[in-house]
Amino acid sequence: MQTLQTCTPARLCYLHLASKEPQRQIDFYRRMLDMDSLAQPDGSWILRGPQRAMLVSPADHNGLLAAAYDLGDQARLGELRARLIENGCAVEDIDSPLLEPCAFLIRDPQGRQTIFGVSRTDSSADRPGMPGRLQHVVFQTTELEAMIDFYVNTVGYTVSDNVVDEQTGQLMTCFLRSDDEHHSLAFFRGSKNEWDHHCYETNEWNDIRDWGDRFAKERITLFFGPGRHGPGNNLFFMVVDADRNRLEFSAELEITDASRQPGVWPQEEYTLNSWGRAWIRS
């Protein structure tokens, strides 16, 4: 079957977050990520910054409600919708203040929600602020093979790289792409099912430095990094937001050719951080 990369390229365009303390979370993203906020009639908030956007809704828990991908135009969106229905995937129409009409939502076998649509015209690229385009989202899962099967064979993502335990041969991590960037979605094998992190792609190494300095001024220490990932070859570091969700800042993420075959990496610290210590999910 055709993939998202070869048929309907898609880029992550916004996240919908749940927050027990939404005002504190909104203040964090306004202050630290240069995002404007706009209250919505349903009690949620739209946040927008340069090439990044978010919905924050009050809830009795913290975390990710949905990740939304932009297909670029309605024709591509229609192609994807038809292919999903043909592959037996349930499609739910939704209204989103950040997307044009005809957006829809799907649920994977573990209930994660992914939205596909066409971004409303917005001058977010021209907004003042430090560079950091919302670029990928990552999860931990107890059913890695089932997740990969769904997102590749039902939805149409393409595998860029696999990380494998050399002793058992078991797949431990899978990086999936939906356009020419190394990954816009990834899954780690873990002992629980949870949102792992999301990432903002900057322009160069100096941007990584400047983001690090910004967090340092607020006494927000790095959770992981700085370093360089093996799969994707990107420079990175991670911090946490007001709700303890993990954010990654990245530069130099690999651009892939459509014909690129999946790579295989060993499950070891060097794979996750060629510069030093790594965070190994368990």
C-alpha atoms as a PDB file:
ATOM      1  CA  MET A   1       0.000   0.000   0.000  1.00  0.00           C
ATOM      2  CA  GLN A   2       1.067   3.593  -0.463  1.00  0.00           C
ATOM      3  CA  THR A   3       2.396   5.395   2.570  1.00  0.00           C
ATOM      4  CA  LEU A   4       1.775   8.806   4.027  1.00  0.00           C
ATOM      5  CA  GLN A   5       5.199   9.797   2.735  1.00  0.00           C
ATOM      6  CA  THR A   6       4.624   8.813  -0.882  1.00  0.00           C
ATOM      7  CA  CYS A   7       0.911   9.568  -1.117  1.00  0.00           C
ATOM      8  CA  THR A   8      -0.223  12.134   1.435  1.00  0.00           C
ATOM      9  CA  PRO A   9       2.642  13.819   3.322  1.00  0.00           C
ATOM     10  CA  ALA A  10       1.615  15.015   6.776  1.00  0.00           C
ATOM     11  CA  ARG A  11       3.302  17.232   9.367  1.00  0.00           C
ATOM     12  CA  LEU A  12       2.520  17.529  13.052  1.00  0.00           C
ATOM     13  CA  CYS A  13       0.766  20.877  13.519  1.00  0.00           C
ATOM     14  CA  TYR A  14      -0.616  20.990  17.071  1.00  0.00           C
ATOM     15  CA  LEU A  15      -1.148  19.059  20.285  1.00  0.00           C
ATOM     16  CA  HIS A  16      -4.264  18.994  22.447  1.00  0.00           C
ATOM     17  CA  LEU A  17      -3.248  18.829  26.108  1.00  0.00           C
ATOM     18  CA  ALA A  18      -5.284  18.127  29.222  1.00  0.00           C
ATOM     19  CA  SER A  19      -4.238  19.966  32.373  1.00  0.00           C
ATOM     20  CA  LYS A  20      -5.357  19.938  35.992  1.00  0.00           C
ATOM     21  CA  GLU A  21      -3.881  23.431  36.335  1.00  0.00           C
ATOM     22  CA  PRO A  22      -4.379  24.928  32.869  1.00  0.00           C
ATOM     23  CA  GLN A  23      -3.470  28.501  33.783  1.00  0.00           C
ATOM     24  CA  ARG A  24      -0.098  27.434  35.133  1.00  0.00           C
ATOM     25  CA  GLN A  25       0.508  25.386  31.992  1.00  0.00           C
ATOM     26  CA  ILE A  26      -0.560  28.229  29.712  1.00  0.00           C
ATOM     27  CA  ASP A  27       1.724  30.638  31.560  1.00  0.00           C
ATOM     28  CA  PHE A  28       4.642  28.234  31.032  1.00  0.00           C
ATOM     29  CA  TYR A  29       4.179  28.062  27.259  1.00  0.00           C
ATOM     30  CA  ARG A  30       3.567  31.779  26.952  1.00  0.00           C
ATOM     31  CA  ARG A  31       6.693  32.610  28.936  1.00  0.00           C
ATOM     32  CA  MET A  32       9.055  29.894  27.755  1.00  0.00           C
ATOM     33  CA  LEU A  33       7.917  29.194  24.169  1.00  0.00           C
ATOM     34  CA  ASP A  34       6.723  32.655  23.057  1.00  0.00           C
ATOM     35  CA  MET A  35       3.132  31.510  22.562  1.00  0.00           C
ATOM     36  CA  ASP A  36       0.087  33.781  22.571  1.00  0.00           C
ATOM     37  CA  SER A  37      -3.085  32.494  24.225  1.00  0.00           C
ATOM     38  CA  LEU A  38      -6.744  32.908  23.336  1.00  0.00           C
ATOM     39  CA  ALA A  39      -9.619  31.663  25.501  1.00  0.00           C
ATOM     40  CA  GLN A  40     -12.294  29.530  23.808  1.00  0.00           C
ATOM     41  CA  PRO A  41     -16.023  29.313  24.640  1.00  0.00           C
ATOM     42  CA  ASP A  42     -15.659  25.710  25.879  1.00  0.00           C
ATOM     43  CA  GLY A  43     -13.063  26.701  28.504  1.00  0.00           C
ATOM     44  CA  SER A  44     -10.018  25.558  26.533  1.00  0.00           C
ATOM     45  CA  TRP A  45      -7.243  27.811  25.278  1.00  0.00           C
ATOM     46  CA  ILE A  46      -5.521  28.132  21.909  1.00  0.00           C
ATOM     47  CA  LEU A  47      -1.786  28.785  22.121  1.00  0.00           C
ATOM     48  CA  ARG A  48       0.204  29.866  19.084  1.00  0.00           C
ATOM     49  CA  GLY A  49       3.860  30.651  18.558  1.00  0.00           C
ATOM     50  CA  PRO A  50       6.211  30.669  15.568  1.00  0.00           C
ATOM     51  CA  GLN A  51       5.457  27.369  13.757  1.00  0.00           C
ATOM     52  CA  ARG A  52       3.918  25.801  16.847  1.00  0.00           C
ATOM     53  CA  ALA A  53       0.404  25.578  18.257  1.00  0.00           C
ATOM     54  CA  MET A  54      -1.470  23.889  21.071  1.00  0.00           C
ATOM     55  CA  LEU A  55      -4.900  23.484  22.637  1.00  0.00           C
ATOM     56  CA  VAL A  56      -5.019  23.274  26.432  1.00  0.00           C
ATOM     57  CA  SER A  57      -8.203  22.038  28.106  1.00  0.00           C
ATOM     58  CA  PRO A  58      -8.983  21.859  31.837  1.00  0.00           C
ATOM     59  CA  ALA A  59      -9.303  18.243  33.007  1.00  0.00           C
ATOM     60  CA  ASP A  60      -8.961  15.962  36.013  1.00  0.00           C
ATOM     61  CA  HIS A  61      -5.641  14.675  34.665  1.00  0.00           C
ATOM     62  CA  ASN A  62      -2.558  15.907  32.829  1.00  0.00           C
ATOM     63  CA  GLY A  63      -1.346  14.627  29.492  1.00  0.00           C
ATOM     64  CA  LEU A  64      -1.949  14.406  25.773  1.00  0.00           C
ATOM     65  CA  LEU A  65      -5.487  14.163  24.436  1.00  0.00           C
ATOM     66  CA  ALA A  66      -4.603  14.153  20.733  1.00  0.00           C
ATOM     67  CA  ALA A  67      -1.877  14.947  18.225  1.00  0.00           C
ATOM     68  CA  ALA A  68      -2.963  16.713  15.022  1.00  0.00           C
ATOM     69  CA  TYR A  69      -1.319  16.416  11.600  1.00  0.00           C
ATOM     70  CA  ASP A  70      -1.677  18.842   8.692  1.00  0.00           C
ATOM     71  CA  LEU A  71      -2.155  17.239   5.261  1.00  0.00           C
ATOM     72  CA  GLY A  72      -1.626  20.539   3.429  1.00  0.00           C
ATOM     73  CA  ASP A  73      -4.785  20.562   1.304  1.00  0.00           C
ATOM     74  CA  GLN A  74      -8.252  19.067   1.171  1.00  0.00           C
ATOM     75  CA  ALA A  75      -7.465  16.711  -1.709  1.00  0.00           C
ATOM     76  CA  ARG A  76      -4.732  14.973   0.262  1.00  0.00           C
ATOM     77  CA  LEU A  77      -6.951  14.858   3.327  1.00  0.00           C
ATOM     78  CA  GLY A  78      -9.696  13.217   1.269  1.00  0.00           C
ATOM     79  CA  GLU A  79      -7.248  10.619  -0.077  1.00  0.00           C
ATOM     80  CA  LEU A  80      -6.167   9.698   3.435  1.00  0.00           C
ATOM     81  CA  ARG A  81      -9.737   9.487   4.710  1.00  0.00           C
ATOM     82  CA  ALA A  82     -10.726   7.169   1.861  1.00  0.00           C
ATOM     83  CA  ARG A  83      -7.702   4.937   2.436  1.00  0.00           C
ATOM     84  CA  LEU A  84      -8.370   4.689   6.183  1.00  0.00           C
ATOM     85  CA  ILE A  85     -11.990   3.695   5.601  1.00  0.00           C
ATOM     86  CA  GLU A  86     -10.895   1.157   2.977  1.00  0.00           C
ATOM     87  CA  ASN A  87      -8.491  -0.300   5.546  1.00  0.00           C
ATOM     88  CA  GLY A  88     -11.280  -0.696   8.098  1.00  0.00           C
ATOM     89  CA  CYS A  89     -10.301   2.212  10.350  1.00  0.00           C
ATOM     90  CA  ALA A  90     -13.135   4.088  12.079  1.00  0.00           C
ATOM     91  CA  VAL A  91     -13.111   7.804  11.232  1.00  0.00           C
ATOM     92  CA  GLU A  92     -14.802  10.429  13.439  1.00  0.00           C
ATOM     93  CA  ASP A  93     -15.551  13.935  12.160  1.00  0.00           C
ATOM     94  CA  ILE A  94     -14.385  16.715  14.459  1.00  0.00           C
ATOM     95  CA  ASP A  95     -14.474  20.500  14.641  1.00  0.00           C
ATOM     96  CA  SER A  96     -11.168  22.126  15.560  1.00  0.00           C
ATOM     97  CA  PRO A  97     -10.502  25.873  15.870  1.00  0.00           C
ATOM     98  CA  LEU A  98      -7.052  25.224  14.385  1.00  0.00           C
ATOM     99  CA  LEU A  99      -8.175  23.231  11.330  1.00  0.00           C
ATOM    100  CA  GLU A 100     -10.358  23.801   8.285  1.00  0.00           C
ATOM    101  CA  PRO A 101     -13.675  21.911   7.983  1.00  0.00           C
ATOM    102  CA  CYS A 102     -13.517  18.164   7.127  1.00  0.00           C
ATOM    103  CA  ALA A 103     -10.943  17.316   9.818  1.00  0.00           C
ATOM    104  CA  PHE A 104     -11.314  13.886  11.380  1.00  0.00           C
ATOM    105  CA  LEU A 105     -10.011  11.779  14.238  1.00  0.00           C
ATOM    106  CA  ILE A 106      -8.899   8.143  14.464  1.00  0.00           C
ATOM    107  CA  ARG A 107      -8.090   5.954  17.468  1.00  0.00           C
ATOM    108  CA  ASP A 108      -5.340   3.369  17.520  1.00  0.00           C
ATOM    109  CA  PRO A 109      -5.829  -0.069  19.143  1.00  0.00           C
ATOM    110  CA  GLN A 110      -4.813   1.341  22.548  1.00  0.00           C
ATOM    111  CA  GLY A 111      -7.105   4.358  22.262  1.00  0.00           C
ATOM    112  CA  ARG A 112      -4.609   7.101  21.330  1.00  0.00           C
ATOM    113  CA  GLN A 113      -6.268   9.832  19.300  1.00  0.00           C
ATOM    114  CA  THR A 114      -4.722  11.234  16.130  1.00  0.00           C
ATOM    115  CA  ILE A 115      -6.335  14.097  14.211  1.00  0.00           C
ATOM    116  CA  PHE A 116      -5.835  14.735  10.510  1.00  0.00           C
ATOM    117  CA  GLY A 117      -6.851  17.954   8.813  1.00  0.00           C
ATOM    118  CA  VAL A 118      -5.731  21.072   6.988  1.00  0.00           C
ATOM    119  CA  SER A 119      -4.369  23.911   9.099  1.00  0.00           C
ATOM    120  CA  ARG A 120      -6.307  27.139   8.998  1.00  0.00           C
ATOM    121  CA  THR A 121      -4.430  30.016   7.384  1.00  0.00           C
ATOM    122  CA  ASP A 122      -2.311  31.551  10.092  1.00  0.00           C
ATOM    123  CA  SER A 123       0.731  33.801  10.184  1.00  0.00           C
ATOM    124  CA  SER A 124       2.366  31.689  12.894  1.00  0.00           C
ATOM    125  CA  ALA A 125       5.642  31.511  10.960  1.00  0.00           C
ATOM    126  CA  ASP A 126       5.871  35.311  11.211  1.00  0.00           C
ATOM    127  CA  ARG A 127       5.180  35.493  14.938  1.00  0.00           C
ATOM    128  CA  PRO A 128       8.061  36.817  17.035  1.00  0.00           C
ATOM    129  CA  GLY A 129       9.919  34.287  19.118  1.00  0.00           C
ATOM    130  CA  MET A 130      12.716  31.765  19.133  1.00  0.00           C
ATOM    131  CA  PRO A 131      12.700  29.127  16.362  1.00  0.00           C
ATOM    132  CA  GLY A 132      11.146  25.780  17.244  1.00  0.00           C
ATOM    133  CA  ARG A 133       8.687  24.111  14.861  1.00  0.00           C
ATOM    134  CA  LEU A 134       6.456  21.492  16.471  1.00  0.00           C
ATOM    135  CA  GLN A 135       7.828  18.383  14.791  1.00  0.00           C
ATOM    136  CA  HIS A 136       7.215  14.986  16.420  1.00  0.00           C
ATOM    137  CA  VAL A 137       5.451  13.126  19.188  1.00  0.00           C
ATOM    138  CA  VAL A 138       6.565   9.909  20.934  1.00  0.00           C
ATOM    139  CA  PHE A 139       4.820   7.295  23.086  1.00  0.00           C
ATOM    140  CA  GLN A 140       5.694   4.347  25.273  1.00  0.00           C
ATOM    141  CA  THR A 141       3.610   1.221  24.714  1.00  0.00           C
ATOM    142  CA  THR A 142       3.215  -2.301  26.053  1.00  0.00           C
ATOM    143  CA  GLU A 143       2.107  -3.502  22.591  1.00  0.00           C
ATOM    144  CA  LEU A 144       4.806  -2.213  20.266  1.00  0.00           C
ATOM    145  CA  GLU A 145       4.248  -4.611  17.371  1.00  0.00           C
ATOM    146  CA  ALA A 146       0.499  -3.914  17.302  1.00  0.00           C
ATOM    147  CA  MET A 147       1.115  -0.162  17.254  1.00  0.00           C
ATOM    148  CA  ILE A 148       3.596  -0.404  14.389  1.00  0.00           C
ATOM    149  CA  ASP A 149       1.254  -2.640  12.422  1.00  0.00           C
ATOM    150  CA  PHE A 150      -1.585  -0.134  12.829  1.00  0.00           C
ATOM    151  CA  TYR A 151       0.330   3.025  11.983  1.00  0.00           C
ATOM    152  CA  VAL A 152       2.177   1.455   9.033  1.00  0.00           C
ATOM    153  CA  ASN A 153      -0.369  -0.904   7.479  1.00  0.00           C
ATOM    154  CA  THR A 154      -3.621   0.876   8.352  1.00  0.00           C
ATOM    155  CA  VAL A 155      -2.653   4.561   8.484  1.00  0.00           C
ATOM    156  CA  GLY A 156       0.368   4.588   6.170  1.00  0.00           C
ATOM    157  CA  TYR A 157       3.410   5.835   8.069  1.00  0.00           C
ATOM    158  CA  THR A 158       6.849   4.605   6.924  1.00  0.00           C
ATOM    159  CA  VAL A 159       9.443   2.977   9.189  1.00  0.00           C
ATOM    160  CA  SER A 160      12.729   4.933   9.207  1.00  0.00           C
ATOM    161  CA  ASP A 161      14.665   3.046  11.897  1.00  0.00           C
ATOM    162  CA  ASN A 162      14.207   0.195  14.340  1.00  0.00           C
ATOM    163  CA  VAL A 163      16.081  -0.305  17.616  1.00  0.00           C
ATOM    164  CA  VAL A 164      16.510  -3.984  18.525  1.00  0.00           C
ATOM    165  CA  ASP A 165      17.706  -5.857  21.616  1.00  0.00           C
ATOM    166  CA  GLU A 166      20.658  -7.790  20.203  1.00  0.00           C
ATOM    167  CA  GLN A 167      20.411 -10.577  22.780  1.00  0.00           C
ATOM    168  CA  THR A 168      16.723 -11.375  22.275  1.00  0.00           C
ATOM    169  CA  GLY A 169      16.107  -9.938  18.821  1.00  0.00           C
ATOM    170  CA  GLN A 170      13.098  -8.082  20.248  1.00  0.00           C
ATOM    171  CA  LEU A 171      12.064  -4.781  18.700  1.00  0.00           C
ATOM    172  CA  MET A 172      12.438  -2.017  21.327  1.00  0.00           C
ATOM    173  CA  THR A 173      11.836   1.251  19.441  1.00  0.00           C
ATOM    174  CA  CYS A 174      10.414   2.232  16.075  1.00  0.00           C
ATOM    175  CA  PHE A 175      10.740   5.617  14.374  1.00  0.00           C
ATOM    176  CA  LEU A 176       8.025   6.447  11.830  1.00  0.00           C
ATOM    177  CA  ARG A 177       7.902   9.202   9.229  1.00  0.00           C
ATOM    178  CA  SER A 178       4.984  10.851   7.443  1.00  0.00           C
ATOM    179  CA  ASP A 179       7.012  13.100   5.120  1.00  0.00           C
ATOM    180  CA  ASP A 180      10.720  13.509   4.333  1.00  0.00           C
ATOM    181  CA  GLU A 181      11.803  14.056   7.956  1.00  0.00           C
ATOM    182  CA  HIS A 182      13.224  11.048   9.796  1.00  0.00           C
ATOM    183  CA  HIS A 183      10.280  10.737  12.179  1.00  0.00           C
ATOM    184  CA  SER A 184       7.129  12.574  13.135  1.00  0.00           C
ATOM    185  CA  LEU A 185       5.971   9.701  15.368  1.00  0.00           C
ATOM    186  CA  ALA A 186       7.834   7.079  17.400  1.00  0.00           C
ATOM    187  CA  PHE A 187       7.113   4.299  19.887  1.00  0.00           C
ATOM    188  CA  PHE A 188       9.258   2.832  22.666  1.00  0.00           C
ATOM    189  CA  ARG A 189       8.514  -0.525  24.245  1.00  0.00           C
ATOM    190  CA  GLY A 190       7.719   0.194  27.884  1.00  0.00           C
ATOM    191  CA  SER A 191       6.096  -1.238  30.994  1.00  0.00           C
ATOM    192  CA  LYS A 192       3.169   1.177  30.659  1.00  0.00           C
ATOM    193  CA  ASN A 193       1.227   3.061  28.019  1.00  0.00           C
ATOM    194  CA  GLU A 194       1.947   6.756  28.187  1.00  0.00           C
ATOM    195  CA  TRP A 195       2.916   9.851  26.273  1.00  0.00           C
ATOM    196  CA  ASP A 196       6.706   9.971  26.239  1.00  0.00           C
ATOM    197  CA  HIS A 197       7.539  13.435  24.845  1.00  0.00           C
ATOM    198  CA  HIS A 198       7.044  15.927  22.050  1.00  0.00           C
ATOM    199  CA  CYS A 199       9.675  17.842  20.095  1.00  0.00           C
ATOM    200  CA  TYR A 200      10.395  21.261  18.603  1.00  0.00           C
ATOM    201  CA  GLU A 201      12.822  21.368  15.661  1.00  0.00           C
ATOM    202  CA  THR A 202      15.126  24.386  15.595  1.00  0.00           C
ATOM    203  CA  ASN A 203      17.341  25.669  12.798  1.00  0.00           C
ATOM    204  CA  GLU A 204      20.847  24.948  14.078  1.00  0.00           C
ATOM    205  CA  TRP A 205      23.073  24.096  17.031  1.00  0.00           C
ATOM    206  CA  ASN A 206      23.201  27.721  18.193  1.00  0.00           C
ATOM    207  CA  ASP A 207      19.418  27.566  18.679  1.00  0.00           C
ATOM    208  CA  ILE A 208      19.860  24.589  20.981  1.00  0.00           C
ATOM    209  CA  ARG A 209      22.313  26.693  22.976  1.00  0.00           C
ATOM    210  CA  ASP A 210      19.913  29.638  23.133  1.00  0.00           C
ATOM    211  CA  TRP A 211      16.962  27.494  24.245  1.00  0.00           C
ATOM    212  CA  GLY A 212      19.171  25.940  26.918  1.00  0.00           C
ATOM    213  CA  ASP A 213      20.161  29.403  28.143  1.00  0.00           C
ATOM    214  CA  ARG A 214      16.505  30.450  28.270  1.00  0.00           C
ATOM    215  CA  PHE A 215      15.556  27.531  30.490  1.00  0.00           C
ATOM    216  CA  ALA A 216      18.666  28.036  32.618  1.00  0.00           C
ATOM    217  CA  LYS A 217      17.595  31.612  33.386  1.00  0.00           C
ATOM    218  CA  GLU A 218      14.339  30.206  34.772  1.00  0.00           C
ATOM    219  CA  ARG A 219      16.263  27.560  36.764  1.00  0.00           C
ATOM    220  CA  ILE A 220      14.684  24.821  34.661  1.00  0.00           C
ATOM    221  CA  THR A 221      17.339  22.117  34.413  1.00  0.00           C
ATOM    222  CA  LEU A 222      17.719  19.660  31.555  1.00  0.00           C
ATOM    223  CA  PHE A 223      15.992  16.315  31.964  1.00  0.00           C
ATOM    224  CA  PHE A 224      18.082  14.556  29.280  1.00  0.00           C
ATOM    225  CA  GLY A 225      20.985  15.763  27.125  1.00  0.00           C
ATOM    226  CA  PRO A 226      22.432  17.686  25.492  1.00  0.00           C
ATOM    227  CA  GLY A 227      23.480  14.988  23.076  1.00  0.00           C
ATOM    228  CA  ARG A 228      22.994  13.472  19.650  1.00  0.00           C
ATOM    229  CA  HIS A 229      20.587  10.659  18.830  1.00  0.00           C
ATOM    230  CA  GLY A 230      21.726   7.802  16.590  1.00  0.00           C
ATOM    231  CA  PRO A 231      18.439   7.277  14.721  1.00  0.00           C
ATOM    232  CA  GLY A 232      17.677  10.646  13.134  1.00  0.00           C
ATOM    233  CA  ASN A 233      21.190  11.987  13.877  1.00  0.00           C
ATOM    234  CA  ASN A 234      19.696  15.031  15.605  1.00  0.00           C
ATOM    235  CA  LEU A 235      21.147  17.179  18.355  1.00  0.00           C
ATOM    236  CA  PHE A 236      18.803  17.465  21.317  1.00  0.00           C
ATOM    237  CA  PHE A 237      17.982  18.139  24.922  1.00  0.00           C
ATOM    238  CA  MET A 238      14.837  17.647  27.018  1.00  0.00           C
ATOM    239  CA  VAL A 239      13.112  19.587  29.782  1.00  0.00           C
ATOM    240  CA  VAL A 240       9.690  19.301  31.452  1.00  0.00           C
ATOM    241  CA  ASP A 241       6.795  21.768  31.369  1.00  0.00           C
ATOM    242  CA  ALA A 242       4.576  22.938  34.242  1.00  0.00           C
ATOM    243  CA  ASP A 243       2.657  19.625  34.232  1.00  0.00           C
ATOM    244  CA  ARG A 244       5.887  17.572  34.028  1.00  0.00           C
ATOM    245  CA  ASN A 245       5.288  16.666  30.379  1.00  0.00           C
ATOM    246  CA  ARG A 246       8.588  16.189  28.549  1.00  0.00           C
ATOM    247  CA  LEU A 247       9.681  18.584  25.778  1.00  0.00           C
ATOM    248  CA  GLU A 248      12.560  18.013  23.395  1.00  0.00           C
ATOM    249  CA  PHE A 249      14.436  20.663  21.423  1.00  0.00           C
ATOM    250  CA  SER A 250      16.203  19.343  18.344  1.00  0.00           C
ATOM    251  CA  ALA A 251      18.381  20.402  15.408  1.00  0.00           C
ATOM    252  CA  GLU A 252      19.755  18.701  12.303  1.00  0.00           C
ATOM    253  CA  LEU A 253      17.102  15.961  12.123  1.00  0.00           C
ATOM    254  CA  GLU A 254      17.808  13.688   9.179  1.00  0.00           C
ATOM    255  CA  ILE A 255      15.981  14.334   5.910  1.00  0.00           C
ATOM    256  CA  THR A 256      15.183  11.035   4.202  1.00  0.00           C
ATOM    257  CA  ASP A 257      14.730   9.898   0.625  1.00  0.00           C
ATOM    258  CA  ALA A 258      11.512   8.050  -0.183  1.00  0.00           C
ATOM    259  CA  SER A 259      13.501   4.975  -1.194  1.00  0.00           C
ATOM    260  CA  ARG A 260      15.430   4.799   2.102  1.00  0.00           C
ATOM    261  CA  GLN A 261      15.196   1.352   3.678  1.00  0.00           C
ATOM    262  CA  PRO A 262      14.626   1.010   7.455  1.00  0.00           C
ATOM    263  CA  GLY A 263      17.815   1.029   9.512  1.00  0.00           C
ATOM    264  CA  VAL A 264      18.508  -1.252  12.473  1.00  0.00           C
ATOM    265  CA  TRP A 265      20.237  -0.037  15.636  1.00  0.00           C
ATOM    266  CA  PRO A 266      21.251  -1.961  18.776  1.00  0.00           C
ATOM    267  CA  GLN A 267      19.488  -1.171  22.052  1.00  0.00           C
ATOM    268  CA  GLU A 268      22.289   0.615  23.903  1.00  0.00           C
ATOM    269  CA  GLU A 269      23.115   4.020  25.333  1.00  0.00           C
ATOM    270  CA  TYR A 270      25.191   5.011  22.294  1.00  0.00           C
ATOM    271  CA  THR A 271      22.128   4.600  20.053  1.00  0.00           C
ATOM    272  CA  LEU A 272      20.021   6.979  22.133  1.00  0.00           C
ATOM    273  CA  ASN A 273      22.833   9.407  22.900  1.00  0.00           C
ATOM    274  CA  SER A 274      26.156   9.063  21.080  1.00  0.00           C
ATOM    275  CA  TRP A 275      27.587  11.783  23.351  1.00  0.00           C
ATOM    276  CA  GLY A 276      27.088  10.029  26.666  1.00  0.00           C
ATOM    277  CA  ARG A 277      24.452   8.863  29.111  1.00  0.00           C
ATOM    278  CA  ALA A 278      21.017   7.923  27.835  1.00  0.00           C
ATOM    279  CA  TRP A 279      17.505   7.583  29.193  1.00  0.00           C
ATOM    280  CA  ILE A 280      16.552   3.931  28.665  1.00  0.00           C
ATOM    281  CA  ARG A 281      12.807   3.313  28.906  1.00  0.00           C
ATOM    282  CA  SER A 282      11.751   0.257  30.889  1.00  0.00           C
END
